[in-house]
């Protein structure tokens, strides 16, 4: 969709592959009361972050490549 993910969590385990810190806003749970302020502060970057998010989705999770992503993950589990 080309939108910046907002992840409100202290312990979220990110799927391997994408460089999440380059396009996602990762906010600690204790800052939930500041969420509006944080989002307004980052609003000027929404198009840039959305574009990078979309590129990562296409590289790792698009229906044309997701099977390879899963297969590579399974191979890593076996090794």
PDB file of N, CA and C in Angstrom:
ATOM      1  N   UNK A   1       0.808  -1.194   0.000  1.00  0.00           N
ATOM      2  CA  UNK A   1       0.000   0.000   0.000  1.00  0.00           C
ATOM      3  C   UNK A   1       0.850   1.257   0.000  1.00  0.00           C
ATOM      4  N   UNK A   2       2.110   1.127   0.364  1.00  0.00           N
ATOM      5  CA  UNK A   2       2.978   2.289   0.362  1.00  0.00           C
ATOM      6  C   UNK A   2       2.765   3.209   1.545  1.00  0.00           C
ATOM      7  N   UNK A   3       2.472   2.632   2.693  1.00  0.00           N
ATOM      8  CA  UNK A   3       2.314   3.447   3.902  1.00  0.00           C
ATOM      9  C   UNK A   3       3.362   3.034   4.927  1.00  0.00           C
ATOM     10  N   UNK A   4       3.688   3.972   5.774  1.00  0.00           N
ATOM     11  CA  UNK A   4       4.676   3.742   6.827  1.00  0.00           C
ATOM     12  C   UNK A   4       4.039   2.938   7.956  1.00  0.00           C
ATOM     13  N   UNK A   5       4.589   1.772   8.279  1.00  0.00           N
ATOM     14  CA  UNK A   5       4.059   1.026   9.420  1.00  0.00           C
ATOM     15  C   UNK A   5       4.369   1.755  10.734  1.00  0.00           C
ATOM     16  N   UNK A   6       3.409   1.748  11.626  1.00  0.00           N
ATOM     17  CA  UNK A   6       3.611   2.276  12.974  1.00  0.00           C
ATOM     18  C   UNK A   6       3.482   1.082  13.909  1.00  0.00           C
ATOM     19  N   UNK A   7       4.562   0.761  14.595  1.00  0.00           N
ATOM     20  CA  UNK A   7       4.598  -0.417  15.449  1.00  0.00           C
ATOM     21  C   UNK A   7       4.747   0.045  16.884  1.00  0.00           C
ATOM     22  N   UNK A   8       3.723  -0.206  17.657  1.00  0.00           N
ATOM     23  CA  UNK A   8       3.687   0.192  19.058  1.00  0.00           C
ATOM     24  C   UNK A   8       3.901  -1.062  19.893  1.00  0.00           C
ATOM     25  N   UNK A   9       5.165  -1.324  20.231  1.00  0.00           N
ATOM     26  CA  UNK A   9       5.487  -2.562  20.928  1.00  0.00           C
ATOM     27  C   UNK A   9       6.889  -2.491  21.513  1.00  0.00           C
ATOM     28  N   UNK A  10       7.073  -3.221  22.585  1.00  0.00           N
ATOM     29  CA  UNK A  10       8.397  -3.348  23.185  1.00  0.00           C
ATOM     30  C   UNK A  10       9.068  -4.658  22.794  1.00  0.00           C
ATOM     31  N   UNK A  11       8.275  -5.627  22.375  1.00  0.00           N
ATOM     32  CA  UNK A  11       8.830  -6.958  22.165  1.00  0.00           C
ATOM     33  C   UNK A  11       8.464  -7.569  20.816  1.00  0.00           C
ATOM     34  N   UNK A  12       8.055  -6.762  19.875  1.00  0.00           N
ATOM     35  CA  UNK A  12       7.667  -7.296  18.566  1.00  0.00           C
ATOM     36  C   UNK A  12       8.878  -7.943  17.906  1.00  0.00           C
ATOM     37  N   UNK A  13       8.676  -9.119  17.358  1.00  0.00           N
ATOM     38  CA  UNK A  13       9.733  -9.834  16.639  1.00  0.00           C
ATOM     39  C   UNK A  13       9.490  -9.599  15.152  1.00  0.00           C
ATOM     40  N   UNK A  14      10.365  -8.848  14.538  1.00  0.00           N
ATOM     41  CA  UNK A  14      10.212  -8.484  13.137  1.00  0.00           C
ATOM     42  C   UNK A  14      10.590  -9.647  12.224  1.00  0.00           C
ATOM     43  N   UNK A  15       9.832  -9.849  11.160  1.00  0.00           N
ATOM     44  CA  UNK A  15      10.243 -10.839  10.166  1.00  0.00           C
ATOM     45  C   UNK A  15      11.602 -10.448   9.580  1.00  0.00           C
ATOM     46  N   UNK A  16      12.440 -11.423   9.375  1.00  0.00           N
ATOM     47  CA  UNK A  16      13.761 -11.150   8.818  1.00  0.00           C
ATOM     48  C   UNK A  16      13.652 -10.673   7.385  1.00  0.00           C
ATOM     49  N   UNK A  17      14.644  -9.930   6.977  1.00  0.00           N
ATOM     50  CA  UNK A  17      14.716  -9.457   5.597  1.00  0.00           C
ATOM     51  C   UNK A  17      14.697  -7.945   5.516  1.00  0.00           C
ATOM     52  N   UNK A  18      13.511  -7.355   5.636  1.00  0.00           N
ATOM     53  CA  UNK A  18      13.435  -5.899   5.527  1.00  0.00           C
ATOM     54  C   UNK A  18      14.241  -5.191   6.616  1.00  0.00           C
ATOM     55  N   UNK A  19      14.735  -4.023   6.278  1.00  0.00           N
ATOM     56  CA  UNK A  19      15.422  -3.187   7.269  1.00  0.00           C
ATOM     57  C   UNK A  19      14.367  -2.260   7.869  1.00  0.00           C
ATOM     58  N   UNK A  20      13.621  -2.788   8.827  1.00  0.00           N
ATOM     59  CA  UNK A  20      12.446  -2.135   9.390  1.00  0.00           C
ATOM     60  C   UNK A  20      12.722  -0.730   9.898  1.00  0.00           C
ATOM     61  N   UNK A  21      13.885  -0.528  10.473  1.00  0.00           N
ATOM     62  CA  UNK A  21      14.202   0.779  11.052  1.00  0.00           C
ATOM     63  C   UNK A  21      14.316   1.876   9.996  1.00  0.00           C
ATOM     64  N   UNK A  22      14.430   1.498   8.732  1.00  0.00           N
ATOM     65  CA  UNK A  22      14.549   2.492   7.663  1.00  0.00           C
ATOM     66  C   UNK A  22      13.196   3.033   7.189  1.00  0.00           C
ATOM     67  N   UNK A  23      12.099   2.325   7.517  1.00  0.00           N
ATOM     68  CA  UNK A  23      10.806   2.783   7.006  1.00  0.00           C
ATOM     69  C   UNK A  23       9.655   2.686   8.000  1.00  0.00           C
ATOM     70  N   UNK A  24       9.866   2.073   9.135  1.00  0.00           N
ATOM     71  CA  UNK A  24       8.791   1.920  10.118  1.00  0.00           C
ATOM     72  C   UNK A  24       9.035   2.833  11.318  1.00  0.00           C
ATOM     73  N   UNK A  25       7.956   3.323  11.877  1.00  0.00           N
ATOM     74  CA  UNK A  25       8.060   4.056  13.133  1.00  0.00           C
ATOM     75  C   UNK A  25       7.845   3.043  14.248  1.00  0.00           C
ATOM     76  N   UNK A  26       8.888   2.811  15.023  1.00  0.00           N
ATOM     77  CA  UNK A  26       8.847   1.826  16.090  1.00  0.00           C
ATOM     78  C   UNK A  26       8.804   2.598  17.402  1.00  0.00           C
ATOM     79  N   UNK A  27       7.687   2.478  18.094  1.00  0.00           N
ATOM     80  CA  UNK A  27       7.431   3.300  19.267  1.00  0.00           C
ATOM     81  C   UNK A  27       7.261   2.397  20.486  1.00  0.00           C
ATOM     82  N   UNK A  28       8.018   2.666  21.544  1.00  0.00           N
ATOM     83  CA  UNK A  28       7.864   1.869  22.763  1.00  0.00           C
ATOM     84  C   UNK A  28       6.461   2.026  23.358  1.00  0.00           C
ATOM     85  N   UNK A  29       5.973   0.971  23.995  1.00  0.00           N
ATOM     86  CA  UNK A  29       4.630   0.987  24.572  1.00  0.00           C
ATOM     87  C   UNK A  29       4.455   2.106  25.593  1.00  0.00           C
ATOM     88  N   UNK A  30       5.505   2.421  26.332  1.00  0.00           N
ATOM     89  CA  UNK A  30       5.381   3.455  27.363  1.00  0.00           C
ATOM     90  C   UNK A  30       5.125   4.843  26.770  1.00  0.00           C
ATOM     91  N   UNK A  31       5.308   4.989  25.448  1.00  0.00           N
ATOM     92  CA  UNK A  31       5.094   6.284  24.803  1.00  0.00           C
ATOM     93  C   UNK A  31       3.747   6.368  24.082  1.00  0.00           C
ATOM     94  N   UNK A  32       2.830   5.452  24.404  1.00  0.00           N
ATOM     95  CA  UNK A  32       1.530   5.450  23.738  1.00  0.00           C
ATOM     96  C   UNK A  32       0.799   6.777  23.935  1.00  0.00           C
ATOM     97  N   UNK A  33       0.962   7.400  25.075  1.00  0.00           N
ATOM     98  CA  UNK A  33       0.280   8.677  25.315  1.00  0.00           C
ATOM     99  C   UNK A  33       0.851   9.798  24.448  1.00  0.00           C
ATOM    100  N   UNK A  34       2.030   9.605  23.897  1.00  0.00           N
ATOM    101  CA  UNK A  34       2.682  10.598  23.032  1.00  0.00           C
ATOM    102  C   UNK A  34       2.522  10.270  21.556  1.00  0.00           C
ATOM    103  N   UNK A  35       1.719   9.265  21.239  1.00  0.00           N
ATOM    104  CA  UNK A  35       1.620   8.774  19.869  1.00  0.00           C
ATOM    105  C   UNK A  35       1.243   9.883  18.882  1.00  0.00           C
ATOM    106  N   UNK A  36       0.252  10.666  19.201  1.00  0.00           N
ATOM    107  CA  UNK A  36      -0.165  11.751  18.315  1.00  0.00           C
ATOM    108  C   UNK A  36       0.955  12.732  18.046  1.00  0.00           C
ATOM    109  N   UNK A  37       1.675  13.110  19.082  1.00  0.00           N
ATOM    110  CA  UNK A  37       2.793  14.046  18.945  1.00  0.00           C
ATOM    111  C   UNK A  37       3.898  13.452  18.086  1.00  0.00           C
ATOM    112  N   UNK A  38       4.208  12.192  18.322  1.00  0.00           N
ATOM    113  CA  UNK A  38       5.257  11.517  17.547  1.00  0.00           C
ATOM    114  C   UNK A  38       4.872  11.455  16.071  1.00  0.00           C
ATOM    115  N   UNK A  39       3.634  11.090  15.784  1.00  0.00           N
ATOM    116  CA  UNK A  39       3.195  10.979  14.392  1.00  0.00           C
ATOM    117  C   UNK A  39       3.198  12.341  13.699  1.00  0.00           C
ATOM    118  N   UNK A  40       2.778  13.384  14.403  1.00  0.00           N
ATOM    119  CA  UNK A  40       2.818  14.727  13.803  1.00  0.00           C
ATOM    120  C   UNK A  40       4.251  15.154  13.522  1.00  0.00           C
ATOM    121  N   UNK A  41       5.163  14.804  14.412  1.00  0.00           N
ATOM    122  CA  UNK A  41       6.575  15.157  14.233  1.00  0.00           C
ATOM    123  C   UNK A  41       7.165  14.478  13.000  1.00  0.00           C
ATOM    124  N   UNK A  42       6.710  13.274  12.702  1.00  0.00           N
ATOM    125  CA  UNK A  42       7.240  12.492  11.580  1.00  0.00           C
ATOM    126  C   UNK A  42       6.407  12.637  10.308  1.00  0.00           C
ATOM    127  N   UNK A  43       5.341  13.394  10.364  1.00  0.00           N
ATOM    128  CA  UNK A  43       4.413  13.495   9.237  1.00  0.00           C
ATOM    129  C   UNK A  43       5.088  13.929   7.936  1.00  0.00           C
ATOM    130  N   UNK A  44       6.084  14.790   8.032  1.00  0.00           N
ATOM    131  CA  UNK A  44       6.757  15.282   6.828  1.00  0.00           C
ATOM    132  C   UNK A  44       7.493  14.180   6.066  1.00  0.00           C
ATOM    133  N   UNK A  45       7.707  13.038   6.714  1.00  0.00           N
ATOM    134  CA  UNK A  45       8.434  11.929   6.096  1.00  0.00           C
ATOM    135  C   UNK A  45       7.530  10.823   5.567  1.00  0.00           C
ATOM    136  N   UNK A  46       6.210  11.015   5.659  1.00  0.00           N
ATOM    137  CA  UNK A  46       5.311   9.898   5.367  1.00  0.00           C
ATOM    138  C   UNK A  46       5.455   9.363   3.937  1.00  0.00           C
ATOM    139  N   UNK A  47       5.666  10.242   2.957  1.00  0.00           N
ATOM    140  CA  UNK A  47       5.802   9.753   1.581  1.00  0.00           C
ATOM    141  C   UNK A  47       7.104   8.975   1.397  1.00  0.00           C
ATOM    142  N   UNK A  48       8.177   9.500   1.944  1.00  0.00           N
ATOM    143  CA  UNK A  48       9.481   8.820   1.851  1.00  0.00           C
ATOM    144  C   UNK A  48       9.429   7.453   2.522  1.00  0.00           C
ATOM    145  N   UNK A  49       8.907   7.400   3.752  1.00  0.00           N
ATOM    146  CA  UNK A  49       8.834   6.135   4.478  1.00  0.00           C
ATOM    147  C   UNK A  49       7.884   5.158   3.797  1.00  0.00           C
ATOM    148  N   UNK A  50       6.787   5.667   3.276  1.00  0.00           N
ATOM    149  CA  UNK A  50       5.840   4.815   2.558  1.00  0.00           C
ATOM    150  C   UNK A  50       6.451   4.207   1.314  1.00  0.00           C
ATOM    151  N   UNK A  51       7.237   4.989   0.608  1.00  0.00           N
ATOM    152  CA  UNK A  51       7.896   4.490  -0.601  1.00  0.00           C
ATOM    153  C   UNK A  51       8.882   3.373  -0.258  1.00  0.00           C
ATOM    154  N   UNK A  52       9.663   3.574   0.787  1.00  0.00           N
ATOM    155  CA  UNK A  52      10.627   2.553   1.204  1.00  0.00           C
ATOM    156  C   UNK A  52       9.898   1.308   1.709  1.00  0.00           C
ATOM    157  N   UNK A  53       8.800   1.512   2.434  1.00  0.00           N
ATOM    158  CA  UNK A  53       7.997   0.380   2.914  1.00  0.00           C
ATOM    159  C   UNK A  53       7.483  -0.444   1.741  1.00  0.00           C
ATOM    160  N   UNK A  54       6.979   0.230   0.726  1.00  0.00           N
ATOM    161  CA  UNK A  54       6.463  -0.460  -0.459  1.00  0.00           C
ATOM    162  C   UNK A  54       7.564  -1.263  -1.155  1.00  0.00           C
ATOM    163  N   UNK A  55       8.748  -0.662  -1.285  1.00  0.00           N
ATOM    164  CA  UNK A  55       9.866  -1.357  -1.924  1.00  0.00           C
ATOM    165  C   UNK A  55      10.229  -2.625  -1.151  1.00  0.00           C
ATOM    166  N   UNK A  56      10.225  -2.535   0.176  1.00  0.00           N
ATOM    167  CA  UNK A  56      10.548  -3.704   0.996  1.00  0.00           C
ATOM    168  C   UNK A  56       9.459  -4.766   0.881  1.00  0.00           C
ATOM    169  N   UNK A  57       8.202  -4.341   0.847  1.00  0.00           N
ATOM    170  CA  UNK A  57       7.114  -5.299   0.681  1.00  0.00           C
ATOM    171  C   UNK A  57       7.272  -6.037  -0.642  1.00  0.00           C
ATOM    172  N   UNK A  58       7.559  -5.290  -1.711  1.00  0.00           N
ATOM    173  CA  UNK A  58       7.728  -5.918  -3.022  1.00  0.00           C
ATOM    174  C   UNK A  58       8.907  -6.884  -3.033  1.00  0.00           C
ATOM    175  N   UNK A  59       9.971  -6.556  -2.330  1.00  0.00           N
ATOM    176  CA  UNK A  59      11.163  -7.396  -2.319  1.00  0.00           C
ATOM    177  C   UNK A  59      10.967  -8.672  -1.500  1.00  0.00           C
ATOM    178  N   UNK A  60      10.199  -8.591  -0.410  1.00  0.00           N
ATOM    179  CA  UNK A  60      10.116  -9.732   0.501  1.00  0.00           C
ATOM    180  C   UNK A  60       8.744 -10.400   0.589  1.00  0.00           C
ATOM    181  N   UNK A  61       7.654  -9.664   0.369  1.00  0.00           N
ATOM    182  CA  UNK A  61       6.326 -10.204   0.667  1.00  0.00           C
ATOM    183  C   UNK A  61       5.332 -10.186  -0.486  1.00  0.00           C
ATOM    184  N   UNK A  62       5.688  -9.650  -1.608  1.00  0.00           N
ATOM    185  CA  UNK A  62       4.815  -9.637  -2.778  1.00  0.00           C
ATOM    186  C   UNK A  62       4.461 -11.085  -3.138  1.00  0.00           C
ATOM    187  N   UNK A  63       3.232 -11.328  -3.612  1.00  0.00           N
ATOM    188  CA  UNK A  63       2.856 -12.703  -3.969  1.00  0.00           C
ATOM    189  C   UNK A  63       3.830 -13.393  -4.934  1.00  0.00           C
ATOM    190  N   UNK A  64       4.528 -12.633  -5.759  1.00  0.00           N
ATOM    191  CA  UNK A  64       5.467 -13.236  -6.710  1.00  0.00           C
ATOM    192  C   UNK A  64       6.764 -13.717  -6.054  1.00  0.00           C
ATOM    193  N   UNK A  65       7.056 -13.264  -4.833  1.00  0.00           N
ATOM    194  CA  UNK A  65       8.325 -13.634  -4.185  1.00  0.00           C
ATOM    195  C   UNK A  65       8.145 -14.274  -2.806  1.00  0.00           C
ATOM    196  N   UNK A  66       6.935 -14.266  -2.279  1.00  0.00           N
ATOM    197  CA  UNK A  66       6.731 -14.734  -0.904  1.00  0.00           C
ATOM    198  C   UNK A  66       7.084 -16.218  -0.732  1.00  0.00           C
ATOM    199  N   UNK A  67       6.850 -17.039  -1.749  1.00  0.00           N
ATOM    200  CA  UNK A  67       7.178 -18.462  -1.621  1.00  0.00           C
ATOM    201  C   UNK A  67       8.673 -18.642  -1.387  1.00  0.00           C
ATOM    202  N   UNK A  68       9.488 -17.911  -2.143  1.00  0.00           N
ATOM    203  CA  UNK A  68      10.938 -17.998  -1.958  1.00  0.00           C
ATOM    204  C   UNK A  68      11.331 -17.512  -0.562  1.00  0.00           C
ATOM    205  N   UNK A  69      10.690 -16.451  -0.090  1.00  0.00           N
ATOM    206  CA  UNK A  69      10.964 -15.922   1.255  1.00  0.00           C
ATOM    207  C   UNK A  69      10.684 -17.002   2.301  1.00  0.00           C
ATOM    208  N   UNK A  70       9.527 -17.656   2.190  1.00  0.00           N
ATOM    209  CA  UNK A  70       9.184 -18.720   3.129  1.00  0.00           C
ATOM    210  C   UNK A  70      10.139 -19.902   3.009  1.00  0.00           C
ATOM    211  N   UNK A  71      10.436 -20.290   1.783  1.00  0.00           N
ATOM    212  CA  UNK A  71      11.323 -21.431   1.568  1.00  0.00           C
ATOM    213  C   UNK A  71      12.711 -21.166   2.143  1.00  0.00           C
ATOM    214  N   UNK A  72      13.228 -19.964   1.924  1.00  0.00           N
ATOM    215  CA  UNK A  72      14.540 -19.610   2.485  1.00  0.00           C
ATOM    216  C   UNK A  72      14.499 -19.672   4.009  1.00  0.00           C
ATOM    217  N   UNK A  73      13.410 -19.220   4.595  1.00  0.00           N
ATOM    218  CA  UNK A  73      13.268 -19.276   6.054  1.00  0.00           C
ATOM    219  C   UNK A  73      13.239 -20.694   6.568  1.00  0.00           C
ATOM    220  N   UNK A  74      12.550 -21.575   5.859  1.00  0.00           N
ATOM    221  CA  UNK A  74      12.503 -22.983   6.258  1.00  0.00           C
ATOM    222  C   UNK A  74      13.879 -23.642   6.161  1.00  0.00           C
ATOM    223  N   UNK A  75      14.600 -23.319   5.116  1.00  0.00           N
ATOM    224  CA  UNK A  75      15.951 -23.856   4.954  1.00  0.00           C
ATOM    225  C   UNK A  75      16.832 -23.420   6.129  1.00  0.00           C
ATOM    226  N   UNK A  76      16.706 -22.178   6.532  1.00  0.00           N
ATOM    227  CA  UNK A  76      17.490 -21.699   7.681  1.00  0.00           C
ATOM    228  C   UNK A  76      17.144 -22.439   8.955  1.00  0.00           C
ATOM    229  N   UNK A  77      15.870 -22.789   9.135  1.00  0.00           N
ATOM    230  CA  UNK A  77      15.486 -23.554  10.312  1.00  0.00           C
ATOM    231  C   UNK A  77      16.095 -24.936  10.329  1.00  0.00           C
ATOM    232  N   UNK A  78      16.216 -25.531   9.150  1.00  0.00           N
ATOM    233  CA  UNK A  78      16.747 -26.896   9.035  1.00  0.00           C
ATOM    234  C   UNK A  78      18.252 -26.922   9.274  1.00  0.00           C
ATOM    235  N   UNK A  79      18.934 -25.887   8.824  1.00  0.00           N
ATOM    236  CA  UNK A  79      20.399 -25.882   8.922  1.00  0.00           C
ATOM    237  C   UNK A  79      20.872 -25.744  10.302  1.00  0.00           C
TER     238      UNK A  79
END
